[in-house]
Amino acid sequence: MRMMLHVVMPVDTSNAAIRSGEFVPFVQKVLGDLKPEAAYFTESEGTRSGYIFFDMKDESQLPAIAEPWFLTLQAKLTVKPAMTPQDLGGAAGANIGAALKAHPKTFGS
């Protein structure tokens, strides 16, 4: 299943990693192990962050994905399923239609 990992890295910890020259090699190793579909790095709430899209075949992979960020950078993580527009137009669209048929009434209207 395609997942989105949002990594929020504390400024102090990531600054120390950058100053020591270990930040970029760490990120390259983690991404090399994960083999993401895409990875983008940006700012979130005033600190460094990244959005990484990857395929998770089994939930048991989560510790291997999360722990490097926790242990090395003391990062905060959010992991969520993610869809492409093609996913939304395919099976997800059919599931939306089935949900609408099963639950046609909106309360309060």
Protein backbone atom coordinates (compact mmCIF):
# COMPACT_ATOMS: atom_id res chain seq x y z
CA MET A 1 0.00 0.00 0.00
CA ARG A 2 1.24 3.46 -0.86
CA MET A 3 2.01 5.41 2.30
CA MET A 4 3.00 8.98 3.08
CA LEU A 5 5.56 9.47 5.82
CA HIS A 6 5.78 13.01 7.20
CA VAL A 7 9.03 13.47 9.13
CA VAL A 8 9.45 16.54 11.36
CA MET A 9 13.03 16.96 12.55
CA PRO A 10 13.92 19.03 15.62
CA VAL A 11 16.06 22.04 14.74
CA ASP A 12 18.77 21.35 17.35
CA THR A 13 19.22 17.70 16.42
CA SER A 14 19.17 18.28 12.67
CA ASN A 15 21.53 21.28 13.03
CA ALA A 16 24.02 19.09 14.90
CA ALA A 17 23.78 16.43 12.18
CA ILE A 18 24.29 19.04 9.46
CA ARG A 19 27.28 20.60 11.24
CA SER A 20 28.91 17.18 11.71
CA GLY A 21 28.36 16.29 8.04
CA GLU A 22 26.17 13.33 8.95
CA PHE A 23 22.74 14.65 7.93
CA VAL A 24 22.86 14.09 4.17
CA PRO A 25 24.50 10.62 4.42
CA PHE A 26 21.86 9.61 7.00
CA VAL A 27 18.97 10.75 4.79
CA GLN A 28 20.54 9.09 1.72
CA LYS A 29 20.94 5.79 3.60
CA VAL A 30 17.38 5.83 4.94
CA LEU A 31 15.97 6.64 1.50
CA GLY A 32 18.22 4.03 -0.13
CA ASP A 33 16.85 1.39 2.22
CA LEU A 34 13.24 2.53 1.79
CA LYS A 35 13.35 3.05 -2.00
CA PRO A 36 10.53 5.64 -2.00
CA GLU A 37 8.39 6.55 -4.97
CA ALA A 38 9.10 10.21 -4.14
CA ALA A 39 10.66 12.28 -1.35
CA TYR A 40 10.34 16.01 -0.78
CA PHE A 41 11.99 18.08 1.92
CA THR A 42 10.56 21.35 3.14
CA GLU A 43 9.66 23.34 6.24
CA SER A 44 6.78 22.49 8.58
CA GLU A 45 5.86 24.65 11.57
CA GLY A 46 9.25 26.33 11.47
CA THR A 47 11.41 23.22 11.34
CA ARG A 48 12.87 20.86 8.77
CA SER A 49 10.54 18.21 7.47
CA GLY A 50 10.09 15.72 4.70
CA TYR A 51 7.25 14.01 2.87
CA ILE A 52 8.22 10.55 1.71
CA PHE A 53 5.93 8.36 -0.42
CA PHE A 54 6.69 4.65 -0.35
CA ASP A 55 5.13 1.21 -0.69
CA MET A 56 4.52 -0.68 2.57
CA LYS A 57 3.78 -4.32 1.89
CA ASP A 58 3.20 -5.27 5.54
CA GLU A 59 2.56 -3.38 8.77
CA SER A 60 5.53 -5.14 10.38
CA GLN A 61 7.80 -2.92 8.24
CA LEU A 62 6.82 0.16 10.27
CA PRO A 63 9.54 -0.13 12.94
CA ALA A 64 12.27 -0.43 10.30
CA ILE A 65 10.86 2.66 8.57
CA ALA A 66 10.29 4.78 11.69
CA GLU A 67 13.09 3.88 14.10
CA PRO A 68 16.00 5.40 12.13
CA TRP A 69 14.25 8.79 12.26
CA PHE A 70 13.35 8.41 15.95
CA LEU A 71 16.73 7.12 17.09
CA THR A 72 19.00 9.34 14.99
CA LEU A 73 17.16 12.67 14.77
CA GLN A 74 14.51 12.41 17.50
CA ALA A 75 12.00 13.16 14.74
CA LYS A 76 8.22 13.19 14.98
CA LEU A 77 6.47 11.06 12.37
CA THR A 78 3.07 10.70 10.81
CA VAL A 79 2.37 7.74 8.53
CA LYS A 80 -0.82 7.65 6.43
CA PRO A 81 -2.16 5.77 3.42
CA ALA A 82 -2.02 7.91 0.27
CA MET A 83 -3.73 7.71 -3.13
CA THR A 84 -2.85 9.00 -6.57
CA PRO A 85 -5.53 10.52 -8.84
CA GLN A 86 -5.54 7.19 -10.70
CA ASP A 87 -6.28 5.33 -7.43
CA LEU A 88 -9.11 7.74 -6.69
CA GLY A 89 -10.63 7.24 -10.15
CA GLY A 90 -10.33 3.46 -9.96
CA ALA A 91 -11.23 1.21 -7.06
CA ALA A 92 -11.50 4.10 -4.59
CA GLY A 93 -14.12 5.78 -6.77
CA ALA A 94 -16.17 2.59 -6.84
CA ASN A 95 -15.89 2.32 -3.05
CA ILE A 96 -17.07 5.91 -2.66
CA GLY A 97 -20.13 5.06 -4.80
CA ALA A 98 -20.84 1.95 -2.72
CA ALA A 99 -20.60 3.99 0.50
CA LEU A 100 -23.02 6.56 -0.94
CA LYS A 101 -25.55 3.82 -1.73
CA ALA A 102 -25.16 2.27 1.72
CA HIS A 103 -25.38 5.65 3.52
CA PRO A 104 -27.46 8.01 1.34
CA LYS A 105 -28.80 10.20 4.13
CA THR A 106 -26.93 13.18 5.57
CA PHE A 107 -27.96 13.93 9.14
CA GLY A 108 -28.96 17.48 9.86
CA SER A 109 -30.05 18.34 6.33
